[in-house]
Amino acid sequence: GLWRIWLTSGEPGDLLDCNYYGNHPPHIGDSLRL
């Protein structure tokens, strides 16, 4: 029932991980703020 979204900040080993509850997820390559 939810989207698991993973984002990179460009630093090796760093990873942003969040939940998203919309019907459609952000596109791969989208830049997002959290």
Full PDB file with SEQRES, HELIX, SHEET, SSBOND, CRYST1, ORIGX, SCALE, CONECT and MASTER records, all heavy atoms in Angstrom:
SEQRES   1 A   34  GLY LEU TRP ARG ILE TRP LEU THR SER GLY GLU PRO GLY          
SEQRES   2 A   34  ASP LEU LEU ASP CYS ASN TYR TYR GLY ASN HIS PRO PRO          
SEQRES   3 A   34  HIS ILE GLY ASP SER LEU ARG LEU                              
SHEET    1 AA1 2 TRP A   3  LEU A   7  0                                        
SHEET    2 AA1 2 LEU A  16  TYR A  20 -1                                        
CRYST1    1.000    1.000    1.000  90.00  90.00  90.00 P 1           1          
ORIGX1      1.000000  0.000000  0.000000        0.00000                         
ORIGX2      0.000000  1.000000  0.000000        0.00000                         
ORIGX3      0.000000  0.000000  1.000000        0.00000                         
SCALE1      1.000000  0.000000  0.000000        0.00000                         
SCALE2      0.000000  1.000000  0.000000        0.00000                         
SCALE3      0.000000  0.000000  1.000000        0.00000                         
ATOM      1  N   GLY A   1       0.765  -1.239   0.000  1.00  0.00           N  
ATOM      2  CA  GLY A   1       0.000   0.000   0.000  1.00  0.00           C  
ATOM      3  C   GLY A   1       0.794   1.286   0.000  1.00  0.00           C  
ATOM      4  O   GLY A   1       0.204   2.376   0.085  1.00  0.00           O  
ATOM      5  N   LEU A   2       2.126   1.203  -0.082  1.00  0.00           N  
ATOM      6  CA  LEU A   2       2.915   2.426  -0.140  1.00  0.00           C  
ATOM      7  C   LEU A   2       4.112   2.218  -1.062  1.00  0.00           C  
ATOM      8  O   LEU A   2       4.475   1.097  -1.418  1.00  0.00           O  
ATOM      9  CB  LEU A   2       3.390   2.851   1.260  1.00  0.00           C  
ATOM     10  CG  LEU A   2       4.247   1.855   2.073  1.00  0.00           C  
ATOM     11  CD1 LEU A   2       5.722   1.927   1.690  1.00  0.00           C  
ATOM     12  CD2 LEU A   2       4.090   2.129   3.560  1.00  0.00           C  
ATOM     13  N   TRP A   3       4.683   3.347  -1.481  1.00  0.00           N  
ATOM     14  CA  TRP A   3       5.901   3.302  -2.296  1.00  0.00           C  
ATOM     15  C   TRP A   3       7.119   3.481  -1.404  1.00  0.00           C  
ATOM     16  O   TRP A   3       7.161   4.390  -0.573  1.00  0.00           O  
ATOM     17  CB  TRP A   3       5.874   4.420  -3.345  1.00  0.00           C  
ATOM     18  CG  TRP A   3       4.826   4.225  -4.395  1.00  0.00           C  
ATOM     19  CD1 TRP A   3       3.564   4.738  -4.404  1.00  0.00           C  
ATOM     20  CD2 TRP A   3       4.964   3.451  -5.590  1.00  0.00           C  
ATOM     21  NE1 TRP A   3       2.897   4.338  -5.528  1.00  0.00           N  
ATOM     22  CE2 TRP A   3       3.722   3.543  -6.281  1.00  0.00           C  
ATOM     23  CE3 TRP A   3       5.993   2.692  -6.150  1.00  0.00           C  
ATOM     24  CZ2 TRP A   3       3.501   2.909  -7.492  1.00  0.00           C  
ATOM     25  CZ3 TRP A   3       5.769   2.055  -7.355  1.00  0.00           C  
ATOM     26  CH2 TRP A   3       4.539   2.160  -8.018  1.00  0.00           C  
ATOM     27  N   ARG A   4       8.084   2.590  -1.555  1.00  0.00           N  
ATOM     28  CA  ARG A   4       9.374   2.759  -0.904  1.00  0.00           C  
ATOM     29  C   ARG A   4      10.291   3.475  -1.890  1.00  0.00           C  
ATOM     30  O   ARG A   4      10.560   2.966  -2.977  1.00  0.00           O  
ATOM     31  CB  ARG A   4       9.962   1.405  -0.516  1.00  0.00           C  
ATOM     32  CG  ARG A   4       9.154   0.665   0.528  1.00  0.00           C  
ATOM     33  CD  ARG A   4       9.764  -0.704   0.819  1.00  0.00           C  
ATOM     34  NE  ARG A   4       9.049  -1.384   1.892  1.00  0.00           N  
ATOM     35  CZ  ARG A   4       9.319  -2.616   2.303  1.00  0.00           C  
ATOM     36  NH1 ARG A   4      10.298  -3.310   1.715  1.00  0.00           N  
ATOM     37  NH2 ARG A   4       8.627  -3.172   3.281  1.00  0.00           N  
ATOM     38  N   ILE A   5      10.749   4.640  -1.499  1.00  0.00           N  
ATOM     39  CA  ILE A   5      11.555   5.473  -2.389  1.00  0.00           C  
ATOM     40  C   ILE A   5      12.984   5.547  -1.858  1.00  0.00           C  
ATOM     41  O   ILE A   5      13.208   5.827  -0.680  1.00  0.00           O  
ATOM     42  CB  ILE A   5      10.983   6.909  -2.476  1.00  0.00           C  
ATOM     43  CG1 ILE A   5       9.495   6.869  -2.833  1.00  0.00           C  
ATOM     44  CG2 ILE A   5      11.768   7.728  -3.497  1.00  0.00           C  
ATOM     45  CD1 ILE A   5       9.193   6.280  -4.189  1.00  0.00           C  
ATOM     46  N   TRP A   6      13.943   5.278  -2.752  1.00  0.00           N  
ATOM     47  CA  TRP A   6      15.355   5.425  -2.403  1.00  0.00           C  
ATOM     48  C   TRP A   6      15.970   6.527  -3.262  1.00  0.00           C  
ATOM     49  O   TRP A   6      15.700   6.613  -4.465  1.00  0.00           O  
ATOM     50  CB  TRP A   6      16.118   4.120  -2.633  1.00  0.00           C  
ATOM     51  CG  TRP A   6      15.776   3.049  -1.634  1.00  0.00           C  
ATOM     52  CD1 TRP A   6      16.338   2.850  -0.413  1.00  0.00           C  
ATOM     53  CD2 TRP A   6      14.798   2.014  -1.778  1.00  0.00           C  
ATOM     54  NE1 TRP A   6      15.776   1.763   0.220  1.00  0.00           N  
ATOM     55  CE2 TRP A   6      14.830   1.230  -0.596  1.00  0.00           C  
ATOM     56  CE3 TRP A   6      13.885   1.679  -2.791  1.00  0.00           C  
ATOM     57  CZ2 TRP A   6      13.990   0.137  -0.403  1.00  0.00           C  
ATOM     58  CZ3 TRP A   6      13.043   0.593  -2.599  1.00  0.00           C  
ATOM     59  CH2 TRP A   6      13.110  -0.168  -1.414  1.00  0.00           C  
ATOM     60  N   LEU A   7      16.778   7.379  -2.614  1.00  0.00           N  
ATOM     61  CA  LEU A   7      17.420   8.490  -3.302  1.00  0.00           C  
ATOM     62  C   LEU A   7      18.904   8.507  -2.965  1.00  0.00           C  
ATOM     63  O   LEU A   7      19.321   8.059  -1.889  1.00  0.00           O  
ATOM     64  CB  LEU A   7      16.794   9.837  -2.893  1.00  0.00           C  
ATOM     65  CG  LEU A   7      15.278   9.991  -2.997  1.00  0.00           C  
ATOM     66  CD1 LEU A   7      14.622   9.685  -1.657  1.00  0.00           C  
ATOM     67  CD2 LEU A   7      14.897  11.407  -3.454  1.00  0.00           C  
ATOM     68  N   THR A   8      19.690   9.043  -3.882  1.00  0.00           N  
ATOM     69  CA  THR A   8      21.119   9.200  -3.639  1.00  0.00           C  
ATOM     70  C   THR A   8      21.468  10.682  -3.590  1.00  0.00           C  
ATOM     71  O   THR A   8      20.847  11.497  -4.272  1.00  0.00           O  
ATOM     72  CB  THR A   8      21.954   8.511  -4.734  1.00  0.00           C  
ATOM     73  OG1 THR A   8      23.341   8.723  -4.463  1.00  0.00           O  
ATOM     74  CG2 THR A   8      21.639   9.076  -6.118  1.00  0.00           C  
ATOM     75  N   SER A   9      22.460  10.984  -2.773  1.00  0.00           N  
ATOM     76  CA  SER A   9      22.957  12.362  -2.705  1.00  0.00           C  
ATOM     77  C   SER A   9      24.297  12.480  -3.428  1.00  0.00           C  
ATOM     78  O   SER A   9      24.905  13.548  -3.425  1.00  0.00           O  
ATOM     79  CB  SER A   9      23.120  12.777  -1.242  1.00  0.00           C  
ATOM     80  OG  SER A   9      24.037  11.907  -0.596  1.00  0.00           O  
ATOM     81  N   GLY A  10      24.755  11.384  -4.017  1.00  0.00           N  
ATOM     82  CA  GLY A  10      26.006  11.411  -4.766  1.00  0.00           C  
ATOM     83  C   GLY A  10      27.215  10.933  -4.003  1.00  0.00           C  
ATOM     84  O   GLY A  10      28.253  10.630  -4.598  1.00  0.00           O  
ATOM     85  N   GLU A  11      27.124  10.840  -2.696  1.00  0.00           N  
ATOM     86  CA  GLU A  11      28.244  10.380  -1.870  1.00  0.00           C  
ATOM     87  C   GLU A  11      28.177   8.859  -1.715  1.00  0.00           C  
ATOM     88  O   GLU A  11      27.140   8.311  -1.321  1.00  0.00           O  
ATOM     89  CB  GLU A  11      28.169  11.038  -0.488  1.00  0.00           C  
ATOM     90  CG  GLU A  11      29.208  10.566   0.511  1.00  0.00           C  
ATOM     91  CD  GLU A  11      30.613  11.054   0.207  1.00  0.00           C  
ATOM     92  OE1 GLU A  11      30.757  11.997  -0.603  1.00  0.00           O  
ATOM     93  OE2 GLU A  11      31.564  10.496   0.786  1.00  0.00           O  
ATOM     94  N   PRO A  12      29.251   8.133  -2.042  1.00  0.00           N  
ATOM     95  CA  PRO A  12      29.234   6.667  -1.893  1.00  0.00           C  
ATOM     96  C   PRO A  12      28.861   6.250  -0.479  1.00  0.00           C  
ATOM     97  O   PRO A  12      29.391   6.780   0.495  1.00  0.00           O  
ATOM     98  CB  PRO A  12      30.667   6.254  -2.229  1.00  0.00           C  
ATOM     99  CG  PRO A  12      31.182   7.353  -3.102  1.00  0.00           C  
ATOM    100  CD  PRO A  12      30.540   8.610  -2.587  1.00  0.00           C  
ATOM    101  N   GLY A  13      27.924   5.310  -0.375  1.00  0.00           N  
ATOM    102  CA  GLY A  13      27.487   4.823   0.926  1.00  0.00           C  
ATOM    103  C   GLY A  13      26.315   5.583   1.502  1.00  0.00           C  
ATOM    104  O   GLY A  13      25.593   5.062   2.359  1.00  0.00           O  
ATOM    105  N   ASP A  14      26.065   6.815   1.055  1.00  0.00           N  
ATOM    106  CA  ASP A  14      24.929   7.589   1.547  1.00  0.00           C  
ATOM    107  C   ASP A  14      23.655   7.178   0.809  1.00  0.00           C  
ATOM    108  O   ASP A  14      23.680   6.922  -0.399  1.00  0.00           O  
ATOM    109  CB  ASP A  14      25.169   9.088   1.353  1.00  0.00           C  
ATOM    110  CG  ASP A  14      26.120   9.659   2.390  1.00  0.00           C  
ATOM    111  OD1 ASP A  14      26.657   8.871   3.187  1.00  0.00           O  
ATOM    112  OD2 ASP A  14      26.326  10.889   2.398  1.00  0.00           O  
ATOM    113  N   LEU A  15      22.548   7.122   1.531  1.00  0.00           N  
ATOM    114  CA  LEU A  15      21.282   6.702   0.946  1.00  0.00           C  
ATOM    115  C   LEU A  15      20.139   7.355   1.704  1.00  0.00           C  
ATOM    116  O   LEU A  15      20.124   7.379   2.937  1.00  0.00           O  
ATOM    117  CB  LEU A  15      21.137   5.173   1.040  1.00  0.00           C  
ATOM    118  CG  LEU A  15      19.879   4.568   0.426  1.00  0.00           C  
ATOM    119  CD1 LEU A  15      19.952   4.645  -1.098  1.00  0.00           C  
ATOM    120  CD2 LEU A  15      19.714   3.114   0.865  1.00  0.00           C  
ATOM    121  N   LEU A  16      19.188   7.912   0.943  1.00  0.00           N  
ATOM    122  CA  LEU A  16      17.976   8.478   1.520  1.00  0.00           C  
ATOM    123  C   LEU A  16      16.831   7.499   1.278  1.00  0.00           C  
ATOM    124  O   LEU A  16      16.650   7.024   0.160  1.00  0.00           O  
ATOM    125  CB  LEU A  16      17.658   9.837   0.892  1.00  0.00           C  
ATOM    126  CG  LEU A  16      18.723  10.924   1.114  1.00  0.00           C  
ATOM    127  CD1 LEU A  16      18.633  11.998   0.049  1.00  0.00           C  
ATOM    128  CD2 LEU A  16      18.563  11.536   2.489  1.00  0.00           C  
ATOM    129  N   ASP A  17      16.062   7.207   2.315  1.00  0.00           N  
ATOM    130  CA  ASP A  17      15.031   6.173   2.255  1.00  0.00           C  
ATOM    131  C   ASP A  17      13.757   6.734   2.879  1.00  0.00           C  
ATOM    132  O   ASP A  17      13.751   7.125   4.057  1.00  0.00           O  
ATOM    133  CB  ASP A  17      15.517   4.942   3.024  1.00  0.00           C  
ATOM    134  CG  ASP A  17      14.584   3.754   2.909  1.00  0.00           C  
ATOM    135  OD1 ASP A  17      13.405   3.940   2.547  1.00  0.00           O  
ATOM    136  OD2 ASP A  17      15.023   2.625   3.200  1.00  0.00           O  
ATOM    137  N   CYS A  18      12.669   6.783   2.107  1.00  0.00           N  
ATOM    138  CA  CYS A  18      11.428   7.322   2.648  1.00  0.00           C  
ATOM    139  C   CYS A  18      10.223   6.595   2.073  1.00  0.00           C  
ATOM    140  O   CYS A  18      10.321   5.864   1.075  1.00  0.00           O  
ATOM    141  CB  CYS A  18      11.309   8.826   2.382  1.00  0.00           C  
ATOM    142  SG  CYS A  18      11.076   9.266   0.646  1.00  0.00           S  
ATOM    143  N   ASN A  19       9.068   6.788   2.710  1.00  0.00           N  
ATOM    144  CA  ASN A  19       7.809   6.234   2.231  1.00  0.00           C  
ATOM    145  C   ASN A  19       7.028   7.307   1.488  1.00  0.00           C  
ATOM    146  O   ASN A  19       7.078   8.489   1.840  1.00  0.00           O  
ATOM    147  CB  ASN A  19       6.970   5.724   3.406  1.00  0.00           C  
ATOM    148  CG  ASN A  19       7.637   4.582   4.140  1.00  0.00           C  
ATOM    149  OD1 ASN A  19       8.373   3.794   3.545  1.00  0.00           O  
ATOM    150  ND2 ASN A  19       7.376   4.476   5.433  1.00  0.00           N  
ATOM    151  N   TYR A  20       6.284   6.871   0.457  1.00  0.00           N  
ATOM    152  CA  TYR A  20       5.472   7.801  -0.335  1.00  0.00           C  
ATOM    153  C   TYR A  20       4.111   7.151  -0.557  1.00  0.00           C  
ATOM    154  O   TYR A  20       4.034   5.982  -0.940  1.00  0.00           O  
ATOM    155  CB  TYR A  20       6.165   8.090  -1.669  1.00  0.00           C  
ATOM    156  CG  TYR A  20       5.401   9.021  -2.571  1.00  0.00           C  
ATOM    157  CD1 TYR A  20       5.279  10.375  -2.262  1.00  0.00           C  
ATOM    158  CD2 TYR A  20       4.803   8.551  -3.732  1.00  0.00           C  
ATOM    159  CE1 TYR A  20       4.581  11.230  -3.091  1.00  0.00           C  
ATOM    160  CE2 TYR A  20       4.101   9.405  -4.570  1.00  0.00           C  
ATOM    161  CZ  TYR A  20       3.988  10.750  -4.240  1.00  0.00           C  
ATOM    162  OH  TYR A  20       3.289  11.598  -5.068  1.00  0.00           O  
ATOM    163  N   TYR A  21       3.040   7.912  -0.312  1.00  0.00           N  
ATOM    164  CA  TYR A  21       1.697   7.331  -0.305  1.00  0.00           C  
ATOM    165  C   TYR A  21       0.843   7.755  -1.492  1.00  0.00           C  
ATOM    166  O   TYR A  21      -0.356   7.486  -1.529  1.00  0.00           O  
ATOM    167  CB  TYR A  21       0.983   7.699   1.001  1.00  0.00           C  
ATOM    168  CG  TYR A  21       1.653   7.106   2.221  1.00  0.00           C  
ATOM    169  CD1 TYR A  21       2.633   7.816   2.912  1.00  0.00           C  
ATOM    170  CD2 TYR A  21       1.321   5.827   2.660  1.00  0.00           C  
ATOM    171  CE1 TYR A  21       3.261   7.265   4.017  1.00  0.00           C  
ATOM    172  CE2 TYR A  21       1.946   5.268   3.766  1.00  0.00           C  
ATOM    173  CZ  TYR A  21       2.907   5.993   4.443  1.00  0.00           C  
ATOM    174  OH  TYR A  21       3.537   5.449   5.537  1.00  0.00           O  
ATOM    175  N   GLY A  22       1.427   8.399  -2.496  1.00  0.00           N  
ATOM    176  CA  GLY A  22       0.668   8.789  -3.672  1.00  0.00           C  
ATOM    177  C   GLY A  22       0.350   7.602  -4.574  1.00  0.00           C  
ATOM    178  O   GLY A  22       0.865   6.498  -4.413  1.00  0.00           O  
ATOM    179  N   ASN A  23      -0.513   7.829  -5.556  1.00  0.00           N  
ATOM    180  CA  ASN A  23      -0.887   6.759  -6.494  1.00  0.00           C  
ATOM    181  C   ASN A  23       0.262   6.397  -7.430  1.00  0.00           C  
ATOM    182  O   ASN A  23       0.384   5.252  -7.856  1.00  0.00           O  
ATOM    183  CB  ASN A  23      -2.105   7.179  -7.319  1.00  0.00           C  
ATOM    184  CG  ASN A  23      -3.375   7.246  -6.478  1.00  0.00           C  
ATOM    185  OD1 ASN A  23      -3.517   6.495  -5.515  1.00  0.00           O  
ATOM    186  ND2 ASN A  23      -4.274   8.159  -6.814  1.00  0.00           N  
ATOM    187  N   HIS A  24       1.083   7.389  -7.756  1.00  0.00           N  
ATOM    188  CA  HIS A  24       2.197   7.149  -8.675  1.00  0.00           C  
ATOM    189  C   HIS A  24       3.483   7.685  -8.036  1.00  0.00           C  
ATOM    190  O   HIS A  24       3.503   8.776  -7.475  1.00  0.00           O  
ATOM    191  CB  HIS A  24       1.948   7.842 -10.013  1.00  0.00           C  
ATOM    192  CG  HIS A  24       0.674   7.410 -10.668  1.00  0.00           C  
ATOM    193  ND1 HIS A  24       0.513   6.186 -11.267  1.00  0.00           N  
ATOM    194  CD2 HIS A  24      -0.525   8.041 -10.780  1.00  0.00           C  
ATOM    195  CE1 HIS A  24      -0.711   6.074 -11.740  1.00  0.00           C  
ATOM    196  NE2 HIS A  24      -1.367   7.194 -11.464  1.00  0.00           N  
ATOM    197  N   PRO A  25       4.558   6.937  -8.129  1.00  0.00           N  
ATOM    198  CA  PRO A  25       5.807   7.359  -7.479  1.00  0.00           C  
ATOM    199  C   PRO A  25       6.509   8.436  -8.287  1.00  0.00           C  
ATOM    200  O   PRO A  25       6.212   8.649  -9.475  1.00  0.00           O  
ATOM    201  CB  PRO A  25       6.631   6.067  -7.486  1.00  0.00           C  
ATOM    202  CG  PRO A  25       6.205   5.384  -8.750  1.00  0.00           C  
ATOM    203  CD  PRO A  25       4.729   5.663  -8.868  1.00  0.00           C  
ATOM    204  N   PRO A  26       7.448   9.140  -7.673  1.00  0.00           N  
ATOM    205  CA  PRO A  26       8.304  10.046  -8.450  1.00  0.00           C  
ATOM    206  C   PRO A  26       9.063   9.252  -9.505  1.00  0.00           C  
ATOM    207  O   PRO A  26       9.259   8.037  -9.376  1.00  0.00           O  
ATOM    208  CB  PRO A  26       9.250  10.621  -7.391  1.00  0.00           C  
ATOM    209  CG  PRO A  26       8.594  10.370  -6.075  1.00  0.00           C  
ATOM    210  CD  PRO A  26       7.800   9.126  -6.248  1.00  0.00           C  
ATOM    211  N   HIS A  27       9.511   9.924 -10.553  1.00  0.00           N  
ATOM    212  CA  HIS A  27      10.247   9.259 -11.626  1.00  0.00           C  
ATOM    213  C   HIS A  27      11.713   9.073 -11.233  1.00  0.00           C  
ATOM    214  O   HIS A  27      12.285   9.879 -10.486  1.00  0.00           O  
ATOM    215  CB  HIS A  27      10.173  10.091 -12.919  1.00  0.00           C  
ATOM    216  CG  HIS A  27       8.790  10.161 -13.481  1.00  0.00           C  
ATOM    217  ND1 HIS A  27       7.959  11.232 -13.245  1.00  0.00           N  
ATOM    218  CD2 HIS A  27       8.110   9.293 -14.260  1.00  0.00           C  
ATOM    219  CE1 HIS A  27       6.803  11.032 -13.865  1.00  0.00           C  
ATOM    220  NE2 HIS A  27       6.865   9.855 -14.480  1.00  0.00           N  
ATOM    221  N   ILE A  28      12.290   8.005 -11.737  1.00  0.00           N  
ATOM    222  CA  ILE A  28      13.718   7.798 -11.545  1.00  0.00           C  
ATOM    223  C   ILE A  28      14.468   8.994 -12.149  1.00  0.00           C  
ATOM    224  O   ILE A  28      14.192   9.418 -13.272  1.00  0.00           O  
ATOM    225  CB  ILE A  28      14.186   6.495 -12.229  1.00  0.00           C  
ATOM    226  CG1 ILE A  28      13.381   5.306 -11.717  1.00  0.00           C  
ATOM    227  CG2 ILE A  28      15.675   6.287 -12.003  1.00  0.00           C  
ATOM    228  CD1 ILE A  28      13.488   5.058 -10.242  1.00  0.00           C  
ATOM    229  N   GLY A  29      15.396   9.543 -11.390  1.00  0.00           N  
ATOM    230  CA  GLY A  29      16.144  10.709 -11.840  1.00  0.00           C  
ATOM    231  C   GLY A  29      15.579  12.028 -11.334  1.00  0.00           C  
ATOM    232  O   GLY A  29      16.250  13.066 -11.451  1.00  0.00           O  
ATOM    233  N   ASP A  30      14.354  12.028 -10.764  1.00  0.00           N  
ATOM    234  CA  ASP A  30      13.787  13.251 -10.198  1.00  0.00           C  
ATOM    235  C   ASP A  30      14.614  13.703  -8.995  1.00  0.00           C  
ATOM    236  O   ASP A  30      15.068  12.886  -8.186  1.00  0.00           O  
ATOM    237  CB  ASP A  30      12.351  13.027  -9.733  1.00  0.00           C  
ATOM    238  CG  ASP A  30      11.354  13.028 -10.880  1.00  0.00           C  
ATOM    239  OD1 ASP A  30      11.775  13.296 -12.027  1.00  0.00           O  
ATOM    240  OD2 ASP A  30      10.166  12.758 -10.634  1.00  0.00           O  
ATOM    241  N   SER A  31      14.783  15.001  -8.878  1.00  0.00           N  
ATOM    242  CA  SER A  31      15.445  15.578  -7.712  1.00  0.00           C  
ATOM    243  C   SER A  31      14.363  16.009  -6.721  1.00  0.00           C  
ATOM    244  O   SER A  31      13.451  16.764  -7.078  1.00  0.00           O  
ATOM    245  CB  SER A  31      16.309  16.775  -8.122  1.00  0.00           C  
ATOM    246  OG  SER A  31      16.967  17.322  -6.995  1.00  0.00           O  
ATOM    247  N   LEU A  32      14.445  15.528  -5.490  1.00  0.00           N  
ATOM    248  CA  LEU A  32      13.412  15.800  -4.493  1.00  0.00           C  
ATOM    249  C   LEU A  32      14.042  16.331  -3.208  1.00  0.00           C  
ATOM    250  O   LEU A  32      15.190  16.030  -2.887  1.00  0.00           O  
ATOM    251  CB  LEU A  32      12.634  14.524  -4.163  1.00  0.00           C  
ATOM    252  CG  LEU A  32      11.959  13.788  -5.321  1.00  0.00           C  
ATOM    253  CD1 LEU A  32      11.348  12.490  -4.821  1.00  0.00           C  
ATOM    254  CD2 LEU A  32      10.894  14.669  -5.957  1.00  0.00           C  
ATOM    255  N   ARG A  33      13.237  17.119  -2.495  1.00  0.00           N  
ATOM    256  CA  ARG A  33      13.661  17.597  -1.183  1.00  0.00           C  
ATOM    257  C   ARG A  33      12.857  16.860  -0.111  1.00  0.00           C  
ATOM    258  O   ARG A  33      11.705  16.494  -0.305  1.00  0.00           O  
ATOM    259  CB  ARG A  33      13.479  19.107  -1.062  1.00  0.00           C  
ATOM    260  CG  ARG A  33      14.284  19.894  -2.100  1.00  0.00           C  
ATOM    261  CD  ARG A  33      14.481  21.337  -1.657  1.00  0.00           C  
ATOM    262  NE  ARG A  33      15.413  21.435  -0.539  1.00  0.00           N  
ATOM    263  CZ  ARG A  33      16.737  21.547  -0.677  1.00  0.00           C  
ATOM    264  NH1 ARG A  33      17.295  21.568  -1.890  1.00  0.00           N  
ATOM    265  NH2 ARG A  33      17.505  21.658   0.395  1.00  0.00           N  
ATOM    266  N   LEU A  34      13.505  16.649   1.041  1.00  0.00           N  
ATOM    267  CA  LEU A  34      12.883  15.901   2.120  1.00  0.00           C  
ATOM    268  C   LEU A  34      13.081  16.597   3.457  1.00  0.00           C  
ATOM    269  O   LEU A  34      14.075  17.290   3.666  1.00  0.00           O  
ATOM    270  CB  LEU A  34      13.461  14.483   2.211  1.00  0.00           C  
ATOM    271  CG  LEU A  34      13.348  13.619   0.960  1.00  0.00           C  
ATOM    272  CD1 LEU A  34      14.679  13.619   0.207  1.00  0.00           C  
ATOM    273  CD2 LEU A  34      12.953  12.206   1.318  1.00  0.00           C  
TER     274      LEU A  34                                                      
MASTER        0    0    0    0    2    0    0    6  273    1    0    3          
END                                                                             
